[in-house]
Amino acid sequence: MTTRRSEMQEDSLSPAATAEVSAFYKTFIRGSVLETDAKTAEMCKLTENSFRDVNIAFANELSMICAREGIDVWNLIQLANRHPRVNILQPGAGVGGHCIAVDPWFIVARNPEQAQLIRTAREVNNHKSVWATNQIKIAVADASARTGRQPTIACLGLAFKPDIDDLRESPAVLIAESLLSAGHDLVAVEPNIQVHEQFVLVSLEDALRQADVLVVLVKHKQFTDPAVATQLREARALDFCGVLA
């Protein structure tokens, strides 16, 4: 039985099987259907997401350096990207989702000695969320000293990227969970979901009115409205995704 199963698996990955599947997809796909072996195809998927992760890690690392040096990272990236061969991505609160935040680890696990850059990029992007959490805690301590009470934090955005309702592997969720576990008072604004079992969800208007520390974690379109951006700027919101750039 084991031998037969192995033979069937090999047949399903054979050049003949590839050609058959390719012919099927060509009956309804308008673009090119590219054929390769299964190992290369899987590595291609992992490579695409690892490439993105590495490039985001550069932007995230740059943002932490700029914060220490007192440099506006958004302006810096805009200036650097004027070079015709430079295209730095936008930093954020980390990297989330079920692909970019996960796929690089498959390469690292199989090739631990060779995948040094890929591993480091993953570590940088994971650390960005920890770094952001620490920045928020500093702002909370300042607000507490100013008001003489425990401040309320409003986290703007919980999804792993703008304008979606997907919270899988979201750095915004990780940050909010960390703050809650540390005993901070916290509400969240997530326009794309109605309810969350862990966080108290409030409207953007309520958050702007009641929060002592405003934290922008996801660049949802609702937060980029000029009037909202003005309010966030006046409230000295912590911006981890470029809403106020």
C-alpha atoms as a PDB file:
ATOM      1  CA  MET A   1       0.000   0.000   0.000  1.00  0.00           C
ATOM      2  CA  THR A   2       2.812   2.411   0.918  1.00  0.00           C
ATOM      3  CA  THR A   3       4.626   1.688  -2.324  1.00  0.00           C
ATOM      4  CA  ARG A   4       1.472   2.245  -4.351  1.00  0.00           C
ATOM      5  CA  ARG A   5       0.790   5.546  -2.565  1.00  0.00           C
ATOM      6  CA  SER A   6       4.342   6.716  -3.288  1.00  0.00           C
ATOM      7  CA  GLU A   7       3.942   5.819  -6.940  1.00  0.00           C
ATOM      8  CA  MET A   8       0.706   7.800  -7.144  1.00  0.00           C
ATOM      9  CA  GLN A   9       2.383  10.823  -5.542  1.00  0.00           C
ATOM     10  CA  GLU A  10       5.246  10.636  -8.017  1.00  0.00           C
ATOM     11  CA  ASP A  11       2.779  10.372 -10.932  1.00  0.00           C
ATOM     12  CA  SER A  12       0.958  13.484  -9.703  1.00  0.00           C
ATOM     13  CA  LEU A  13       4.225  15.438  -9.805  1.00  0.00           C
ATOM     14  CA  SER A  14       5.458  14.108 -13.135  1.00  0.00           C
ATOM     15  CA  PRO A  15       5.999  16.208 -16.311  1.00  0.00           C
ATOM     16  CA  ALA A  16       2.965  14.479 -17.809  1.00  0.00           C
ATOM     17  CA  ALA A  17       0.820  15.560 -14.871  1.00  0.00           C
ATOM     18  CA  THR A  18       2.139  19.114 -15.192  1.00  0.00           C
ATOM     19  CA  ALA A  19       1.235  19.209 -18.873  1.00  0.00           C
ATOM     20  CA  GLU A  20      -2.237  17.874 -18.124  1.00  0.00           C
ATOM     21  CA  VAL A  21      -2.921  20.451 -15.423  1.00  0.00           C
ATOM     22  CA  SER A  22      -1.497  23.197 -17.636  1.00  0.00           C
ATOM     23  CA  ALA A  23      -3.822  22.210 -20.477  1.00  0.00           C
ATOM     24  CA  PHE A  24      -6.784  22.369 -18.103  1.00  0.00           C
ATOM     25  CA  TYR A  25      -5.935  25.876 -16.868  1.00  0.00           C
ATOM     26  CA  LYS A  26      -5.407  27.114 -20.422  1.00  0.00           C
ATOM     27  CA  THR A  27      -9.080  26.436 -21.134  1.00  0.00           C
ATOM     28  CA  PHE A  28     -10.095  29.433 -18.988  1.00  0.00           C
ATOM     29  CA  ILE A  29      -6.959  31.441 -18.097  1.00  0.00           C
ATOM     30  CA  ARG A  30      -6.331  34.429 -20.377  1.00  0.00           C
ATOM     31  CA  GLY A  31      -2.755  35.039 -19.242  1.00  0.00           C
ATOM     32  CA  SER A  32       0.279  32.834 -19.567  1.00  0.00           C
ATOM     33  CA  VAL A  33       0.302  29.434 -17.870  1.00  0.00           C
ATOM     34  CA  LEU A  34       3.901  28.735 -16.891  1.00  0.00           C
ATOM     35  CA  GLU A  35       5.103  25.189 -16.358  1.00  0.00           C
ATOM     36  CA  THR A  36       7.861  24.037 -14.031  1.00  0.00           C
ATOM     37  CA  ASP A  37       8.497  21.218 -11.556  1.00  0.00           C
ATOM     38  CA  ALA A  38       6.629  21.105  -8.240  1.00  0.00           C
ATOM     39  CA  LYS A  39       9.670  21.919  -6.100  1.00  0.00           C
ATOM     40  CA  THR A  40      10.477  25.048  -8.088  1.00  0.00           C
ATOM     41  CA  ALA A  41       6.832  26.116  -8.111  1.00  0.00           C
ATOM     42  CA  GLU A  42       6.574  25.883  -4.342  1.00  0.00           C
ATOM     43  CA  MET A  43       9.898  27.649  -3.869  1.00  0.00           C
ATOM     44  CA  CYS A  44       8.678  30.403  -6.192  1.00  0.00           C
ATOM     45  CA  LYS A  45       5.720  31.100  -3.908  1.00  0.00           C
ATOM     46  CA  LEU A  46       7.954  31.186  -0.838  1.00  0.00           C
ATOM     47  CA  THR A  47      10.471  33.380  -2.658  1.00  0.00           C
ATOM     48  CA  GLU A  48       7.876  35.973  -3.646  1.00  0.00           C
ATOM     49  CA  ASN A  49       6.719  36.406  -0.060  1.00  0.00           C
ATOM     50  CA  SER A  50      10.241  36.303   1.365  1.00  0.00           C
ATOM     51  CA  PHE A  51      11.322  39.007  -1.082  1.00  0.00           C
ATOM     52  CA  ARG A  52       8.540  41.227   0.177  1.00  0.00           C
ATOM     53  CA  ASP A  53       9.429  40.463   3.785  1.00  0.00           C
ATOM     54  CA  VAL A  54      13.094  41.349   3.279  1.00  0.00           C
ATOM     55  CA  ASN A  55      12.230  44.651   1.610  1.00  0.00           C
ATOM     56  CA  ILE A  56       9.713  45.574   4.290  1.00  0.00           C
ATOM     57  CA  ALA A  57      12.309  44.732   6.932  1.00  0.00           C
ATOM     58  CA  PHE A  58      14.653  47.319   5.417  1.00  0.00           C
ATOM     59  CA  ALA A  59      11.942  49.977   5.691  1.00  0.00           C
ATOM     60  CA  ASN A  60      11.036  48.940   9.238  1.00  0.00           C
ATOM     61  CA  GLU A  61      14.645  48.939  10.368  1.00  0.00           C
ATOM     62  CA  LEU A  62      15.147  52.338   8.761  1.00  0.00           C
ATOM     63  CA  SER A  63      12.114  53.696  10.637  1.00  0.00           C
ATOM     64  CA  MET A  64      13.568  52.653  13.987  1.00  0.00           C
ATOM     65  CA  ILE A  65      16.933  54.216  13.135  1.00  0.00           C
ATOM     66  CA  CYS A  66      15.242  57.441  12.050  1.00  0.00           C
ATOM     67  CA  ALA A  67      13.208  57.589  15.253  1.00  0.00           C
ATOM     68  CA  ARG A  68      16.418  57.443  17.251  1.00  0.00           C
ATOM     69  CA  GLU A  69      18.087  60.073  15.075  1.00  0.00           C
ATOM     70  CA  GLY A  70      15.130  62.454  15.035  1.00  0.00           C
ATOM     71  CA  ILE A  71      14.567  62.103  11.286  1.00  0.00           C
ATOM     72  CA  ASP A  72      11.165  61.956   9.565  1.00  0.00           C
ATOM     73  CA  VAL A  73      11.365  58.508   7.944  1.00  0.00           C
ATOM     74  CA  TRP A  74       8.474  59.214   5.573  1.00  0.00           C
ATOM     75  CA  ASN A  75      10.183  62.287   4.175  1.00  0.00           C
ATOM     76  CA  LEU A  76      13.483  60.437   4.017  1.00  0.00           C
ATOM     77  CA  ILE A  77      11.992  57.580   1.992  1.00  0.00           C
ATOM     78  CA  GLN A  78      10.256  60.001  -0.343  1.00  0.00           C
ATOM     79  CA  LEU A  79      13.557  61.749  -1.000  1.00  0.00           C
ATOM     80  CA  ALA A  80      15.556  58.523  -1.386  1.00  0.00           C
ATOM     81  CA  ASN A  81      12.973  57.110  -3.800  1.00  0.00           C
ATOM     82  CA  ARG A  82      13.637  59.949  -6.224  1.00  0.00           C
ATOM     83  CA  HIS A  83      16.693  57.959  -7.257  1.00  0.00           C
ATOM     84  CA  PRO A  84      15.650  55.982 -10.358  1.00  0.00           C
ATOM     85  CA  ARG A  85      16.976  52.698  -8.985  1.00  0.00           C
ATOM     86  CA  VAL A  86      15.678  53.056  -5.432  1.00  0.00           C
ATOM     87  CA  ASN A  87      12.198  51.955  -4.352  1.00  0.00           C
ATOM     88  CA  ILE A  88      12.031  51.705  -0.578  1.00  0.00           C
ATOM     89  CA  LEU A  89       8.716  50.361   0.718  1.00  0.00           C
ATOM     90  CA  GLN A  90       6.680  51.948   3.499  1.00  0.00           C
ATOM     91  CA  PRO A  91       7.338  50.913   7.108  1.00  0.00           C
ATOM     92  CA  GLY A  92       4.550  49.764   9.381  1.00  0.00           C
ATOM     93  CA  ALA A  93       3.864  48.266  12.786  1.00  0.00           C
ATOM     94  CA  GLY A  94       5.308  44.943  11.652  1.00  0.00           C
ATOM     95  CA  VAL A  95       4.300  42.376   9.046  1.00  0.00           C
ATOM     96  CA  GLY A  96       1.171  40.246   9.199  1.00  0.00           C
ATOM     97  CA  GLY A  97      -1.067  38.021   7.158  1.00  0.00           C
ATOM     98  CA  HIS A  98      -0.996  34.322   6.441  1.00  0.00           C
ATOM     99  CA  CYS A  99       1.687  34.519   3.700  1.00  0.00           C
ATOM    100  CA  ILE A 100       4.438  37.112   4.114  1.00  0.00           C
ATOM    101  CA  ALA A 101       4.726  36.614   7.864  1.00  0.00           C
ATOM    102  CA  VAL A 102       4.760  32.819   7.547  1.00  0.00           C
ATOM    103  CA  ASP A 103       6.324  31.635   4.278  1.00  0.00           C
ATOM    104  CA  PRO A 104       9.913  32.799   4.943  1.00  0.00           C
ATOM    105  CA  TRP A 105      10.107  30.439   7.909  1.00  0.00           C
ATOM    106  CA  PHE A 106       9.686  27.441   5.585  1.00  0.00           C
ATOM    107  CA  ILE A 107      12.864  28.438   3.752  1.00  0.00           C
ATOM    108  CA  VAL A 108      14.686  29.113   7.026  1.00  0.00           C
ATOM    109  CA  ALA A 109      13.607  25.803   8.559  1.00  0.00           C
ATOM    110  CA  ARG A 110      14.858  23.793   5.588  1.00  0.00           C
ATOM    111  CA  ASN A 111      18.016  25.854   5.033  1.00  0.00           C
ATOM    112  CA  PRO A 112      19.028  27.272   8.445  1.00  0.00           C
ATOM    113  CA  GLU A 113      22.678  27.825   7.546  1.00  0.00           C
ATOM    114  CA  GLN A 114      22.048  29.515   4.200  1.00  0.00           C
ATOM    115  CA  ALA A 115      18.940  31.620   4.906  1.00  0.00           C
ATOM    116  CA  GLN A 116      20.685  34.225   7.036  1.00  0.00           C
ATOM    117  CA  LEU A 117      19.177  37.336   5.417  1.00  0.00           C
ATOM    118  CA  ILE A 118      15.683  35.841   5.270  1.00  0.00           C
ATOM    119  CA  ARG A 119      15.845  34.893   8.966  1.00  0.00           C
ATOM    120  CA  THR A 120      17.125  38.339   9.946  1.00  0.00           C
ATOM    121  CA  ALA A 121      14.329  40.038   7.988  1.00  0.00           C
ATOM    122  CA  ARG A 122      11.754  37.968   9.870  1.00  0.00           C
ATOM    123  CA  GLU A 123      13.371  38.903  13.169  1.00  0.00           C
ATOM    124  CA  VAL A 124      13.453  42.602  12.257  1.00  0.00           C
ATOM    125  CA  ASN A 125       9.783  42.626  11.277  1.00  0.00           C
ATOM    126  CA  ASN A 126       8.768  40.769  14.431  1.00  0.00           C
ATOM    127  CA  HIS A 127      10.839  43.148  16.533  1.00  0.00           C
ATOM    128  CA  LYS A 128       9.165  46.181  14.948  1.00  0.00           C
ATOM    129  CA  SER A 129       5.945  45.265  16.762  1.00  0.00           C
ATOM    130  CA  VAL A 130       7.825  44.980  20.065  1.00  0.00           C
ATOM    131  CA  TRP A 131       9.519  48.318  19.412  1.00  0.00           C
ATOM    132  CA  ALA A 132       6.175  49.968  18.610  1.00  0.00           C
ATOM    133  CA  THR A 133       4.678  48.582  21.815  1.00  0.00           C
ATOM    134  CA  ASN A 134       7.516  50.078  23.836  1.00  0.00           C
ATOM    135  CA  GLN A 135       7.033  53.465  22.164  1.00  0.00           C
ATOM    136  CA  ILE A 136       3.364  53.373  23.113  1.00  0.00           C
ATOM    137  CA  LYS A 137       4.193  52.495  26.722  1.00  0.00           C
ATOM    138  CA  ILE A 138       6.498  55.525  26.913  1.00  0.00           C
ATOM    139  CA  ALA A 139       3.688  57.753  25.627  1.00  0.00           C
ATOM    140  CA  VAL A 140       1.295  56.217  28.169  1.00  0.00           C
ATOM    141  CA  ALA A 141       3.724  56.937  31.015  1.00  0.00           C
ATOM    142  CA  ASP A 142       3.989  60.552  29.860  1.00  0.00           C
ATOM    143  CA  ALA A 143       0.194  60.844  29.677  1.00  0.00           C
ATOM    144  CA  SER A 144      -0.162  59.350  33.150  1.00  0.00           C
ATOM    145  CA  ALA A 145       2.287  61.870  34.586  1.00  0.00           C
ATOM    146  CA  ARG A 146       0.414  64.657  32.841  1.00  0.00           C
ATOM    147  CA  THR A 147      -3.123  63.658  33.863  1.00  0.00           C
ATOM    148  CA  GLY A 148      -2.489  61.940  37.197  1.00  0.00           C
ATOM    149  CA  ARG A 149      -4.546  58.882  36.203  1.00  0.00           C
ATOM    150  CA  GLN A 150      -4.349  55.768  34.070  1.00  0.00           C
ATOM    151  CA  PRO A 151      -4.660  56.877  30.439  1.00  0.00           C
ATOM    152  CA  THR A 152      -6.902  55.297  27.833  1.00  0.00           C
ATOM    153  CA  ILE A 153      -5.179  54.049  24.688  1.00  0.00           C
ATOM    154  CA  ALA A 154      -7.019  53.949  21.366  1.00  0.00           C
ATOM    155  CA  CYS A 155      -5.525  51.622  18.772  1.00  0.00           C
ATOM    156  CA  LEU A 156      -6.614  52.667  15.297  1.00  0.00           C
ATOM    157  CA  GLY A 157      -6.671  49.550  13.129  1.00  0.00           C
ATOM    158  CA  LEU A 158      -6.465  45.839  13.899  1.00  0.00           C
ATOM    159  CA  ALA A 159      -6.280  44.233  10.430  1.00  0.00           C
ATOM    160  CA  PHE A 160      -2.955  43.091   9.036  1.00  0.00           C
ATOM    161  CA  LYS A 161      -3.145  45.571   6.143  1.00  0.00           C
ATOM    162  CA  PRO A 162      -5.333  48.526   5.080  1.00  0.00           C
ATOM    163  CA  ASP A 163      -9.020  48.294   4.201  1.00  0.00           C
ATOM    164  CA  ILE A 164      -9.613  44.599   4.906  1.00  0.00           C
ATOM    165  CA  ASP A 165     -11.216  42.652   7.765  1.00  0.00           C
ATOM    166  CA  ASP A 166      -8.511  39.969   8.032  1.00  0.00           C
ATOM    167  CA  LEU A 167      -6.738  39.941  11.409  1.00  0.00           C
ATOM    168  CA  ARG A 168      -4.552  36.864  10.863  1.00  0.00           C
ATOM    169  CA  GLU A 169      -0.988  37.313  12.153  1.00  0.00           C
ATOM    170  CA  SER A 170      -1.719  41.027  12.486  1.00  0.00           C
ATOM    171  CA  PRO A 171       1.006  43.062  14.194  1.00  0.00           C
ATOM    172  CA  ALA A 172      -1.688  45.527  15.285  1.00  0.00           C
ATOM    173  CA  VAL A 173      -3.458  42.756  17.190  1.00  0.00           C
ATOM    174  CA  LEU A 174      -0.163  41.634  18.708  1.00  0.00           C
ATOM    175  CA  ILE A 175       0.535  45.168  19.919  1.00  0.00           C
ATOM    176  CA  ALA A 176      -2.973  45.612  21.342  1.00  0.00           C
ATOM    177  CA  GLU A 177      -2.779  42.245  23.110  1.00  0.00           C
ATOM    178  CA  SER A 178       0.568  43.151  24.625  1.00  0.00           C
ATOM    179  CA  LEU A 179      -0.804  46.428  25.963  1.00  0.00           C
ATOM    180  CA  LEU A 180      -3.869  44.716  27.403  1.00  0.00           C
ATOM    181  CA  SER A 181      -1.769  42.048  29.092  1.00  0.00           C
ATOM    182  CA  ALA A 182       0.328  44.818  30.683  1.00  0.00           C
ATOM    183  CA  GLY A 183      -2.837  46.155  32.332  1.00  0.00           C
ATOM    184  CA  HIS A 184      -3.448  49.224  30.189  1.00  0.00           C
ATOM    185  CA  ASP A 185      -6.921  50.584  29.448  1.00  0.00           C
ATOM    186  CA  LEU A 186      -7.478  50.108  25.728  1.00  0.00           C
ATOM    187  CA  VAL A 187     -10.135  50.556  23.082  1.00  0.00           C
ATOM    188  CA  ALA A 188      -9.805  49.764  19.388  1.00  0.00           C
ATOM    189  CA  VAL A 189     -11.142  51.232  16.178  1.00  0.00           C
ATOM    190  CA  GLU A 190     -11.484  48.728  13.344  1.00  0.00           C
ATOM    191  CA  PRO A 191     -13.950  49.933  10.687  1.00  0.00           C
ATOM    192  CA  ASN A 192     -13.982  46.588   8.886  1.00  0.00           C
ATOM    193  CA  ILE A 193     -15.303  44.387  11.701  1.00  0.00           C
ATOM    194  CA  GLN A 194     -18.353  44.685  13.937  1.00  0.00           C
ATOM    195  CA  VAL A 195     -17.262  42.874  17.087  1.00  0.00           C
ATOM    196  CA  HIS A 196     -14.170  41.350  18.677  1.00  0.00           C
ATOM    197  CA  GLU A 197     -14.120  38.943  21.617  1.00  0.00           C
ATOM    198  CA  GLN A 198     -11.001  40.472  23.165  1.00  0.00           C
ATOM    199  CA  PHE A 199     -11.064  44.197  22.431  1.00  0.00           C
ATOM    200  CA  VAL A 200     -13.646  46.899  23.122  1.00  0.00           C
ATOM    201  CA  LEU A 201     -14.482  48.369  19.726  1.00  0.00           C
ATOM    202  CA  VAL A 202     -15.498  52.010  19.514  1.00  0.00           C
ATOM    203  CA  SER A 203     -16.176  54.444  16.703  1.00  0.00           C
ATOM    204  CA  LEU A 204     -13.424  56.689  15.404  1.00  0.00           C
ATOM    205  CA  GLU A 205     -15.314  59.701  16.756  1.00  0.00           C
ATOM    206  CA  ASP A 206     -15.465  58.182  20.257  1.00  0.00           C
ATOM    207  CA  ALA A 207     -11.796  57.277  20.159  1.00  0.00           C
ATOM    208  CA  LEU A 208     -10.788  60.800  19.171  1.00  0.00           C
ATOM    209  CA  ARG A 209     -12.915  62.174  21.987  1.00  0.00           C
ATOM    210  CA  GLN A 210     -12.037  59.865  24.876  1.00  0.00           C
ATOM    211  CA  ALA A 211      -8.508  58.558  24.330  1.00  0.00           C
ATOM    212  CA  ASP A 212      -5.456  60.016  26.027  1.00  0.00           C
ATOM    213  CA  VAL A 213      -3.042  58.214  23.696  1.00  0.00           C
ATOM    214  CA  LEU A 214      -3.973  57.685  20.047  1.00  0.00           C
ATOM    215  CA  VAL A 215      -2.042  55.062  18.125  1.00  0.00           C
ATOM    216  CA  VAL A 216      -2.413  54.590  14.359  1.00  0.00           C
ATOM    217  CA  LEU A 217      -1.462  51.007  13.495  1.00  0.00           C
ATOM    218  CA  VAL A 218      -3.146  50.441  10.121  1.00  0.00           C
ATOM    219  CA  LYS A 219      -3.543  52.886   7.233  1.00  0.00           C
ATOM    220  CA  HIS A 220      -7.277  52.434   6.721  1.00  0.00           C
ATOM    221  CA  LYS A 221      -8.896  54.966   4.397  1.00  0.00           C
ATOM    222  CA  GLN A 222     -11.045  56.247   7.262  1.00  0.00           C
ATOM    223  CA  PHE A 223      -7.906  57.453   9.031  1.00  0.00           C
ATOM    224  CA  THR A 224      -6.416  59.239   6.020  1.00  0.00           C
ATOM    225  CA  ASP A 225      -9.286  61.729   5.675  1.00  0.00           C
ATOM    226  CA  PRO A 226      -7.723  65.224   5.914  1.00  0.00           C
ATOM    227  CA  ALA A 227     -10.028  66.306   8.745  1.00  0.00           C
ATOM    228  CA  VAL A 228      -9.243  63.154  10.731  1.00  0.00           C
ATOM    229  CA  ALA A 229      -5.525  63.510  10.051  1.00  0.00           C
ATOM    230  CA  THR A 230      -5.679  67.060  11.402  1.00  0.00           C
ATOM    231  CA  GLN A 231      -7.296  65.841  14.622  1.00  0.00           C
ATOM    232  CA  LEU A 232      -4.719  63.074  14.966  1.00  0.00           C
ATOM    233  CA  ARG A 233      -1.911  65.528  14.414  1.00  0.00           C
ATOM    234  CA  GLU A 234      -3.299  67.941  16.997  1.00  0.00           C
ATOM    235  CA  ALA A 235      -3.624  65.053  19.469  1.00  0.00           C
ATOM    236  CA  ARG A 236       0.005  64.065  18.785  1.00  0.00           C
ATOM    237  CA  ALA A 237      -1.024  60.573  17.765  1.00  0.00           C
ATOM    238  CA  LEU A 238       1.673  57.957  17.394  1.00  0.00           C
ATOM    239  CA  ASP A 239       1.755  57.104  13.697  1.00  0.00           C
ATOM    240  CA  PHE A 240       3.292  53.747  12.779  1.00  0.00           C
ATOM    241  CA  CYS A 241       1.955  53.528   9.213  1.00  0.00           C
ATOM    242  CA  GLY A 242       2.345  56.930   7.586  1.00  0.00           C
ATOM    243  CA  VAL A 243      -1.152  58.346   7.972  1.00  0.00           C
ATOM    244  CA  LEU A 244       0.304  61.701   9.034  1.00  0.00           C
ATOM    245  CA  ALA A 245       3.179  61.718   6.530  1.00  0.00           C
END
